[in-house]
C-alpha atoms as a PDB file:
ATOM      1  CA  MET A   1      95.270  91.886 123.130  1.00  0.00           C
ATOM      2  CA  SER A   2      92.459  89.525 121.862  1.00  0.00           C
ATOM      3  CA  GLY A   3      92.145  86.122 120.005  1.00  0.00           C
ATOM      4  CA  ALA A   4      91.587  87.550 116.826  1.00  0.00           C
ATOM      5  CA  SER A   5      94.438  89.668 116.828  1.00  0.00           C
ATOM      6  CA  LEU A   6      97.202  87.395 118.215  1.00  0.00           C
ATOM      7  CA  ARG A   7      96.054  85.594 114.912  1.00  0.00           C
ATOM      8  CA  LEU A   8      96.105  88.646 112.406  1.00  0.00           C
ATOM      9  CA  GLY A   9      99.623  89.437 113.685  1.00  0.00           C
ATOM     10  CA  ARG A  10     100.794  85.221 112.878  1.00  0.00           C
ATOM     11  CA  LEU A  11      99.917  86.875 109.121  1.00  0.00           C
ATOM     12  CA  PHE A  12     102.334  88.994 109.083  1.00  0.00           C
ATOM     13  CA  ASP A  13     106.109  89.472 109.493  1.00  0.00           C
ATOM     14  CA  ARG A  14     107.322  90.162 112.566  1.00  0.00           C
ATOM     15  CA  ALA A  15     110.642  92.450 111.369  1.00  0.00           C
ATOM     16  CA  SER A  16     108.995  93.963 108.605  1.00  0.00           C
ATOM     17  CA  GLY A  17     105.517  94.269 109.681  1.00  0.00           C
ATOM     18  CA  ARG A  18     103.764  93.343 106.010  1.00  0.00           C
ATOM     19  CA  SER A  19     102.335  90.045 104.815  1.00  0.00           C
ATOM     20  CA  PHE A  20     102.975  88.192 101.455  1.00  0.00           C
ATOM     21  CA  ILE A  21      99.702  86.227 101.004  1.00  0.00           C
ATOM     22  CA  ALA A  22      99.245  84.278  97.743  1.00  0.00           C
ATOM     23  CA  ALA A  23      95.736  83.140  96.727  1.00  0.00           C
ATOM     24  CA  ILE A  24      94.567  79.977  95.604  1.00  0.00           C
ATOM     25  CA  ASP A  25      90.745  80.218  96.249  1.00  0.00           C
ATOM     26  CA  HIS A  26      89.660  81.243  92.625  1.00  0.00           C
ATOM     27  CA  GLY A  27      88.091  77.969  91.421  1.00  0.00           C
ATOM     28  CA  ILE A  28      85.012  79.472  93.681  1.00  0.00           C
ATOM     29  CA  THR A  29      84.209  81.789  91.335  1.00  0.00           C
ATOM     30  CA  LEU A  30      86.257  80.978  87.858  1.00  0.00           C
ATOM     31  CA  GLY A  31      85.614  77.229  88.233  1.00  0.00           C
ATOM     32  CA  VAL A  32      88.889  75.660  86.381  1.00  0.00           C
ATOM     33  CA  PRO A  33      91.747  77.958  86.095  1.00  0.00           C
ATOM     34  CA  THR A  34      94.272  78.121  83.717  1.00  0.00           C
ATOM     35  CA  GLY A  35      97.531  77.161  85.755  1.00  0.00           C
ATOM     36  CA  ALA A  36      95.281  75.520  88.198  1.00  0.00           C
ATOM     37  CA  GLU A  37      93.490  72.452  86.548  1.00  0.00           C
ATOM     38  CA  ASP A  38      94.664  70.066  89.240  1.00  0.00           C
ATOM     39  CA  ALA A  39      93.748  72.097  92.416  1.00  0.00           C
ATOM     40  CA  MET A  40      96.165  70.131  94.960  1.00  0.00           C
ATOM     41  CA  GLY A  41      99.058  70.646  92.732  1.00  0.00           C
ATOM     42  CA  ALA A  42      98.599  74.263  92.282  1.00  0.00           C
ATOM     43  CA  ILE A  43      98.335  74.989  96.027  1.00  0.00           C
ATOM     44  CA  GLU A  44     101.588  72.477  96.901  1.00  0.00           C
ATOM     45  CA  ARG A  45     103.066  74.901  93.965  1.00  0.00           C
ATOM     46  CA  VAL A  46     101.779  77.727  96.009  1.00  0.00           C
ATOM     47  CA  ILE A  47     103.356  76.773  99.203  1.00  0.00           C
ATOM     48  CA  ARG A  48     106.507  75.981  97.660  1.00  0.00           C
ATOM     49  CA  CYS A  49     106.708  80.046  97.082  1.00  0.00           C
ATOM     50  CA  GLU A  50     106.687  80.524 100.905  1.00  0.00           C
ATOM     51  CA  PRO A  51     104.098  83.015 101.439  1.00  0.00           C
ATOM     52  CA  ASP A  52     103.069  84.183 104.571  1.00  0.00           C
ATOM     53  CA  ALA A  53      99.946  82.830 104.446  1.00  0.00           C
ATOM     54  CA  VAL A  54      97.318  81.570 101.606  1.00  0.00           C
ATOM     55  CA  LEU A  55      94.034  82.169 101.124  1.00  0.00           C
ATOM     56  CA  ILE A  56      92.143  78.965 100.166  1.00  0.00           C
ATOM     57  CA  SER A  57      88.341  77.867  99.763  1.00  0.00           C
ATOM     58  CA  PRO A  58      86.860  75.488 102.755  1.00  0.00           C
ATOM     59  CA  GLY A  59      86.887  72.745 100.432  1.00  0.00           C
ATOM     60  CA  MET A  60      90.739  72.918  99.242  1.00  0.00           C
ATOM     61  CA  LEU A  61      91.725  73.271 103.053  1.00  0.00           C
ATOM     62  CA  ALA A  62      89.787  70.505 104.185  1.00  0.00           C
ATOM     63  CA  ARG A  63      91.259  67.941 101.426  1.00  0.00           C
ATOM     64  CA  GLY A  64      94.391  69.664 101.631  1.00  0.00           C
ATOM     65  CA  ALA A  65      95.376  70.111 105.094  1.00  0.00           C
ATOM     66  CA  ASP A  66      98.082  68.127 105.135  1.00  0.00           C
ATOM     67  CA  LEU A  67      99.617  70.873 103.581  1.00  0.00           C
ATOM     68  CA  PHE A  68      99.638  73.031 105.861  1.00  0.00           C
ATOM     69  CA  ALA A  69      99.947  71.031 109.549  1.00  0.00           C
ATOM     70  CA  TYR A  70     103.745  71.583 110.288  1.00  0.00           C
ATOM     71  CA  ARG A  71     105.384  74.410 112.069  1.00  0.00           C
ATOM     72  CA  ALA A  72     106.700  76.912 109.370  1.00  0.00           C
ATOM     73  CA  ALA A  73     103.579  76.411 107.368  1.00  0.00           C
ATOM     74  CA  PRO A  74     101.742  79.780 105.706  1.00  0.00           C
ATOM     75  CA  ALA A  75      99.008  79.984 107.932  1.00  0.00           C
ATOM     76  CA  PRO A  76      95.497  79.293 105.840  1.00  0.00           C
ATOM     77  CA  ILE A  77      93.404  82.116 105.042  1.00  0.00           C
ATOM     78  CA  VAL A  78      89.707  80.811 104.275  1.00  0.00           C
ATOM     79  CA  ARG A  79      87.319  82.411 101.494  1.00  0.00           C
ATOM     80  CA  ALA A  80      84.095  82.590 103.122  1.00  0.00           C
ATOM     81  CA  ASP A  81      81.378  83.681 100.747  1.00  0.00           C
ATOM     82  CA  PHE A  82      80.375  83.726  96.745  1.00  0.00           C
ATOM     83  CA  ILE A  83      79.780  86.024  93.901  1.00  0.00           C
ATOM     84  CA  VAL A  84      78.637  86.341  90.544  1.00  0.00           C
ATOM     85  CA  ASN A  85      81.816  86.280  88.350  1.00  0.00           C
ATOM     86  CA  HIS A  86      82.050  83.866  85.627  1.00  0.00           C
ATOM     87  CA  PRO A  87      80.187  84.249  82.159  1.00  0.00           C
ATOM     88  CA  PHE A  88      78.545  80.605  82.503  1.00  0.00           C
ATOM     89  CA  VAL A  89      76.507  81.814  85.364  1.00  0.00           C
ATOM     90  CA  ASP A  90      76.300  85.657  84.306  1.00  0.00           C
ATOM     91  CA  ASP A  91      72.270  85.163  83.542  1.00  0.00           C
ATOM     92  CA  LEU A  92      71.869  85.273  87.080  1.00  0.00           C
ATOM     93  CA  GLY A  93      72.793  88.334  87.424  1.00  0.00           C
ATOM     94  CA  GLU A  94      74.146  89.968  90.737  1.00  0.00           C
ATOM     95  CA  HIS A  95      74.316  87.821  93.630  1.00  0.00           C
ATOM     96  CA  TYR A  96      76.273  87.299  96.843  1.00  0.00           C
ATOM     97  CA  ARG A  97      75.799  84.728  98.711  1.00  0.00           C
ATOM     98  CA  VAL A  98      77.641  83.780 102.120  1.00  0.00           C
ATOM     99  CA  LEU A  99      79.533  80.086 101.765  1.00  0.00           C
ATOM    100  CA  CYS A 100      80.603  79.318 105.170  1.00  0.00           C
ATOM    101  CA  THR A 101      80.711  80.257 108.741  1.00  0.00           C
ATOM    102  CA  PRO A 102      83.411  81.478 110.742  1.00  0.00           C
ATOM    103  CA  ALA A 103      82.448  78.480 113.311  1.00  0.00           C
ATOM    104  CA  HIS A 104      83.499  76.405 109.998  1.00  0.00           C
ATOM    105  CA  ALA A 105      86.510  78.149 108.900  1.00  0.00           C
ATOM    106  CA  ALA A 106      87.784  77.738 112.889  1.00  0.00           C
ATOM    107  CA  SER A 107      87.210  73.907 112.774  1.00  0.00           C
ATOM    108  CA  LEU A 108      88.669  73.657 109.345  1.00  0.00           C
ATOM    109  CA  GLY A 109      92.264  75.006 110.803  1.00  0.00           C
ATOM    110  CA  ALA A 110      91.591  78.703 109.467  1.00  0.00           C
ATOM    111  CA  ASN A 111      94.058  81.564 110.825  1.00  0.00           C
ATOM    112  CA  ALA A 112      91.542  84.163 109.175  1.00  0.00           C
ATOM    113  CA  PHE A 113      88.307  84.507 107.364  1.00  0.00           C
ATOM    114  CA  ILE A 114      87.488  86.805 104.475  1.00  0.00           C
ATOM    115  CA  MET A 115      84.515  88.337 102.872  1.00  0.00           C
ATOM    116  CA  PHE A 116      83.767  90.750  99.954  1.00  0.00           C
ATOM    117  CA  LEU A 117      82.527  93.612 100.349  1.00  0.00           C
ATOM    118  CA  ILE A 118      81.410  94.427  96.746  1.00  0.00           C
ATOM    119  CA  LEU A 119      81.126  97.903  95.774  1.00  0.00           C
ATOM    120  CA  GLY A 120      78.689  99.923  92.758  1.00  0.00           C
ATOM    121  CA  PRO A 121      76.191  97.081  92.476  1.00  0.00           C
ATOM    122  CA  GLU A 122      73.051  97.689  90.496  1.00  0.00           C
ATOM    123  CA  PRO A 123      69.910  99.027  92.370  1.00  0.00           C
ATOM    124  CA  GLY A 124      68.777  96.468  95.082  1.00  0.00           C
ATOM    125  CA  GLN A 125      69.227  94.564  98.109  1.00  0.00           C
ATOM    126  CA  MET A 126      72.634  93.229  97.085  1.00  0.00           C
ATOM    127  CA  PHE A 127      74.687  95.883  98.844  1.00  0.00           C
ATOM    128  CA  ALA A 128      72.764  96.007 101.880  1.00  0.00           C
ATOM    129  CA  ASP A 129      72.741  91.671 102.273  1.00  0.00           C
ATOM    130  CA  ASN A 130      76.349  92.145 102.072  1.00  0.00           C
ATOM    131  CA  ILE A 131      76.646  94.811 104.759  1.00  0.00           C
ATOM    132  CA  LYS A 132      74.963  92.777 106.855  1.00  0.00           C
ATOM    133  CA  ALA A 133      76.242  89.446 105.845  1.00  0.00           C
ATOM    134  CA  ILE A 134      79.717  90.989 106.482  1.00  0.00           C
ATOM    135  CA  SER A 135      78.781  92.497 110.373  1.00  0.00           C
ATOM    136  CA  THR A 136      77.033  89.399 111.539  1.00  0.00           C
ATOM    137  CA  ALA A 137      80.094  87.428 110.281  1.00  0.00           C
ATOM    138  CA  ALA A 138      82.291  90.062 112.150  1.00  0.00           C
ATOM    139  CA  GLU A 139      80.478  89.340 115.504  1.00  0.00           C
ATOM    140  CA  GLU A 140      80.705  85.734 115.450  1.00  0.00           C
ATOM    141  CA  ALA A 141      84.686  85.892 114.068  1.00  0.00           C
ATOM    142  CA  HIS A 142      85.719  87.885 117.251  1.00  0.00           C
ATOM    143  CA  LYS A 143      83.530  85.564 119.577  1.00  0.00           C
ATOM    144  CA  LEU A 144      85.763  83.043 118.155  1.00  0.00           C
ATOM    145  CA  GLY A 145      89.216  84.749 118.214  1.00  0.00           C
ATOM    146  CA  LEU A 146      89.118  84.684 114.120  1.00  0.00           C
ATOM    147  CA  PRO A 147      90.109  87.981 112.598  1.00  0.00           C
ATOM    148  CA  LEU A 148      88.452  89.132 109.680  1.00  0.00           C
ATOM    149  CA  ILE A 149      89.464  90.433 106.435  1.00  0.00           C
ATOM    150  CA  ILE A 150      87.406  92.263 104.259  1.00  0.00           C
ATOM    151  CA  GLU A 151      88.045  92.218 100.353  1.00  0.00           C
ATOM    152  CA  ALA A 152      86.363  95.759  99.448  1.00  0.00           C
ATOM    153  CA  VAL A 153      86.529  95.938  95.653  1.00  0.00           C
ATOM    154  CA  ALA A 154      84.205  97.966  92.873  1.00  0.00           C
ATOM    155  CA  TRP A 155      83.036  94.771  91.145  1.00  0.00           C
ATOM    156  CA  GLY A 156      79.867  95.966  91.227  1.00  0.00           C
ATOM    157  CA  ARG A 157      78.138  96.226  87.789  1.00  0.00           C
ATOM    158  CA  ARG A 158      77.403 100.415  87.904  1.00  0.00           C
ATOM    159  CA  ALA A 159      81.286 100.665  89.222  1.00  0.00           C
ATOM    160  CA  LYS A 160      82.279  98.907  86.235  1.00  0.00           C
ATOM    161  CA  ALA A 161      79.925 100.315  83.843  1.00  0.00           C
ATOM    162  CA  ALA A 162      81.294 103.856  85.124  1.00  0.00           C
ATOM    163  CA  GLY A 163      84.980 102.619  84.617  1.00  0.00           C
ATOM    164  CA  MET A 164      85.504 103.141  88.373  1.00  0.00           C
ATOM    165  CA  GLY A 165      86.942 100.000  89.039  1.00  0.00           C
ATOM    166  CA  LYS A 166      90.301 101.707  90.281  1.00  0.00           C
ATOM    167  CA  ASP A 167      89.185 104.843  91.540  1.00  0.00           C
ATOM    168  CA  ALA A 168      91.148 105.638  94.484  1.00  0.00           C
ATOM    169  CA  GLU A 169      88.187 108.016  96.424  1.00  0.00           C
ATOM    170  CA  LEU A 170      85.583 105.066  95.857  1.00  0.00           C
ATOM    171  CA  LEU A 171      88.053 102.229  97.033  1.00  0.00           C
ATOM    172  CA  ALA A 172      89.004 104.591  99.972  1.00  0.00           C
ATOM    173  CA  PHE A 173      85.223 104.571 100.855  1.00  0.00           C
ATOM    174  CA  GLY A 174      85.008 101.283 100.715  1.00  0.00           C
ATOM    175  CA  CYS A 175      88.009  99.893 102.659  1.00  0.00           C
ATOM    176  CA  ARG A 176      86.759 102.712 105.986  1.00  0.00           C
ATOM    177  CA  ILE A 177      83.402 100.803 105.704  1.00  0.00           C
ATOM    178  CA  ALA A 178      84.845  97.330 106.281  1.00  0.00           C
ATOM    179  CA  ALA A 179      86.677  98.682 108.978  1.00  0.00           C
ATOM    180  CA  GLU A 180      84.085 100.384 110.862  1.00  0.00           C
ATOM    181  CA  LEU A 181      82.263  96.989 110.172  1.00  0.00           C
ATOM    182  CA  GLY A 182      84.622  95.243 111.955  1.00  0.00           C
ATOM    183  CA  ALA A 183      87.597  93.879 109.600  1.00  0.00           C
ATOM    184  CA  ASP A 184      90.703  93.484 111.639  1.00  0.00           C
ATOM    185  CA  ALA A 185      92.168  94.309 107.835  1.00  0.00           C
ATOM    186  CA  VAL A 186      91.032  94.430 104.138  1.00  0.00           C
ATOM    187  CA  LYS A 187      92.104  93.295 100.620  1.00  0.00           C
ATOM    188  CA  THR A 188      91.149  96.307  98.090  1.00  0.00           C
ATOM    189  CA  GLU A 189      92.725  97.425  94.494  1.00  0.00           C
ATOM    190  CA  TYR A 190      96.268  99.195  93.613  1.00  0.00           C
ATOM    191  CA  PRO A 191      94.412 102.695  92.237  1.00  0.00           C
ATOM    192  CA  GLY A 192      97.087 102.714  90.008  1.00  0.00           C
ATOM    193  CA  SER A 193      99.435 105.362  91.915  1.00  0.00           C
ATOM    194  CA  ARG A 194     101.048 105.543  94.720  1.00  0.00           C
ATOM    195  CA  GLU A 195      99.290 108.811  95.375  1.00  0.00           C
ATOM    196  CA  GLY A 196      95.836 106.963  95.301  1.00  0.00           C
ATOM    197  CA  MET A 197      97.009 104.247  97.274  1.00  0.00           C
ATOM    198  CA  ALA A 198      98.263 106.710 100.108  1.00  0.00           C
ATOM    199  CA  THR A 199      94.327 107.807 100.112  1.00  0.00           C
ATOM    200  CA  ILE A 200      93.131 104.624 100.436  1.00  0.00           C
ATOM    201  CA  VAL A 201      95.399 104.057 103.310  1.00  0.00           C
ATOM    202  CA  ASP A 202      95.333 107.566 105.299  1.00  0.00           C
ATOM    203  CA  GLY A 203      91.240 106.738 105.563  1.00  0.00           C
ATOM    204  CA  CYS A 204      91.514 103.222 106.617  1.00  0.00           C
ATOM    205  CA  PRO A 205      92.319 102.425 110.573  1.00  0.00           C
ATOM    206  CA  VAL A 206      93.297  99.196 109.889  1.00  0.00           C
ATOM    207  CA  PRO A 207      95.708  97.150 107.313  1.00  0.00           C
ATOM    208  CA  VAL A 208      95.700  97.386 104.388  1.00  0.00           C
ATOM    209  CA  LEU A 209      96.627  94.554 101.587  1.00  0.00           C
ATOM    210  CA  VAL A 210      96.793  94.621  97.813  1.00  0.00           C
ATOM    211  CA  LEU A 211      94.741  92.570  95.648  1.00  0.00           C
ATOM    212  CA  GLY A 212      97.003  91.458  92.408  1.00  0.00           C
ATOM    213  CA  GLY A 213      93.996  90.177  89.870  1.00  0.00           C
ATOM    214  CA  PRO A 214      94.596  88.914  86.360  1.00  0.00           C
ATOM    215  CA  LYS A 215      97.672  87.474  85.285  1.00  0.00           C
ATOM    216  CA  THR A 216      99.835  90.964  84.227  1.00  0.00           C
ATOM    217  CA  GLU A 217     102.143  90.547  80.717  1.00  0.00           C
ATOM    218  CA  ASP A 218     104.554  92.908  82.525  1.00  0.00           C
ATOM    219  CA  PRO A 219     106.236  91.558  85.627  1.00  0.00           C
ATOM    220  CA  ASP A 220     108.554  94.724  86.197  1.00  0.00           C
ATOM    221  CA  GLY A 221     105.395  96.426  86.094  1.00  0.00           C
ATOM    222  CA  LEU A 222     103.583  94.330  88.891  1.00  0.00           C
ATOM    223  CA  ILE A 223     106.956  94.992  91.272  1.00  0.00           C
ATOM    224  CA  THR A 224     107.144  98.679  90.587  1.00  0.00           C
ATOM    225  CA  ALA A 225     103.414  98.468  92.207  1.00  0.00           C
ATOM    226  CA  THR A 226     104.146  96.556  94.731  1.00  0.00           C
ATOM    227  CA  ARG A 227     107.263  98.782  95.635  1.00  0.00           C
ATOM    228  CA  ASP A 228     104.656 101.825  95.675  1.00  0.00           C
ATOM    229  CA  ALA A 229     101.938 100.390  97.196  1.00  0.00           C
ATOM    230  CA  MET A 230     104.017  99.574 100.539  1.00  0.00           C
ATOM    231  CA  SER A 231     105.882 102.808 100.224  1.00  0.00           C
ATOM    232  CA  ALA A 232     102.294 104.346 100.322  1.00  0.00           C
ATOM    233  CA  GLY A 233     101.284 102.416 103.910  1.00  0.00           C
ATOM    234  CA  ALA A 234     100.694  99.259 102.470  1.00  0.00           C
ATOM    235  CA  ARG A 235     100.782  96.323 105.052  1.00  0.00           C
ATOM    236  CA  GLY A 236     101.775  93.684 102.006  1.00  0.00           C
ATOM    237  CA  VAL A 237      99.775  91.511  98.915  1.00  0.00           C
ATOM    238  CA  VAL A 238      97.305  89.381  98.210  1.00  0.00           C
ATOM    239  CA  TYR A 239      98.389  87.799  94.772  1.00  0.00           C
ATOM    240  CA  GLY A 240      97.223  84.860  92.857  1.00  0.00           C
ATOM    241  CA  ARG A 241      97.505  84.639  89.407  1.00  0.00           C
ATOM    242  CA  ASN A 242     100.364  86.274  89.558  1.00  0.00           C
ATOM    243  CA  VAL A 243     102.075  84.137  91.320  1.00  0.00           C
ATOM    244  CA  TRP A 244     101.069  80.476  89.988  1.00  0.00           C
ATOM    245  CA  GLN A 245     100.405  81.452  86.517  1.00  0.00           C
ATOM    246  CA  ALA A 246     103.703  83.339  86.094  1.00  0.00           C
ATOM    247  CA  ASP A 247     106.248  81.275  83.932  1.00  0.00           C
ATOM    248  CA  ASP A 248     108.543  80.785  87.102  1.00  0.00           C
ATOM    249  CA  PRO A 249     106.303  81.151  90.451  1.00  0.00           C
ATOM    250  CA  ILE A 250     109.371  80.760  92.801  1.00  0.00           C
ATOM    251  CA  ALA A 251     111.281  83.533  91.078  1.00  0.00           C
ATOM    252  CA  ILE A 252     108.628  86.201  90.907  1.00  0.00           C
ATOM    253  CA  SER A 253     107.611  85.455  94.814  1.00  0.00           C
ATOM    254  CA  ARG A 254     111.549  85.767  95.461  1.00  0.00           C
ATOM    255  CA  GLN A 255     110.742  88.916  93.743  1.00  0.00           C
ATOM    256  CA  ILE A 256     107.378  90.123  95.856  1.00  0.00           C
ATOM    257  CA  ARG A 257     109.219  89.156  98.862  1.00  0.00           C
ATOM    258  CA  GLU A 258     111.985  91.107  98.582  1.00  0.00           C
ATOM    259  CA  VAL A 259     109.855  94.275  98.142  1.00  0.00           C
ATOM    260  CA  ILE A 260     107.379  93.248 100.662  1.00  0.00           C
ATOM    261  CA  HIS A 261     109.957  92.520 103.359  1.00  0.00           C
ATOM    262  CA  GLY A 262     113.306  94.045 102.177  1.00  0.00           C
ATOM    263  CA  SER A 263     114.285  97.373 101.474  1.00  0.00           C
ATOM    264  CA  LEU A 264     111.991  97.900  98.646  1.00  0.00           C
ATOM    265  CA  ILE A 265     114.168  97.405  96.147  1.00  0.00           C
ATOM    266  CA  PRO A 266     113.719  94.563  93.713  1.00  0.00           C
ATOM    267  CA  SER A 267     115.981  92.056  93.021  1.00  0.00           C
ATOM    268  CA  THR A 268     117.635  92.079  90.021  1.00  0.00           C
ATOM    269  CA  ALA A 269     118.550  88.285  90.405  1.00  0.00           C
END
């Protein structure tokens, strides 16, 4: 077993083989998100929800390292890149930049390293540059024994304009490319149906994790989607705003954990 495989395994529960990851890396692209105005306080609240791992920016992990410095703490996963995703900077056009090397992430104590794969961007160099950055990072990360997670999402302007943000075939295409480039796991959208999720999982030879997106006004629907994704073969979720923007983050996290690690039937408590 490689060091990357060992560290990846630490993200997943031994009994269920799945992972509940909480994301609090949104400040890189959203600035000051509602509900996370106090960055350190938001990280503390997320950790109290008892996820298996926490997706976090390099700067916030450096500042909040003590929050992860105990035996039962969730494993930190470092966000390594940036995409233009806010009206304040939208006039910059579509851009992708790497912010953090695998070596720097490892020096911060990260258990894993995550990068975007943006599907459906406008014509130009962005997709090719994105692919090259991932390929380079995969080689560097694996030399260090650090697992690489690729977030394959159809957030490019062409994909959005065509209404393909949750298209199962496009997401399956992206997840397979991510695995071929060396990803140890992928994170992607729930396409809206169990069948669509199965299409993604069946074509991807590494664990598939489902992202949460903006806060839903239908928590029951979130739990149902989580259950359907798991039954289709997904290996876990990476939920951010649906956790720390929830009216009761601990309660919704308990339900999510029961679906991820339990019987697939959400608690009514």
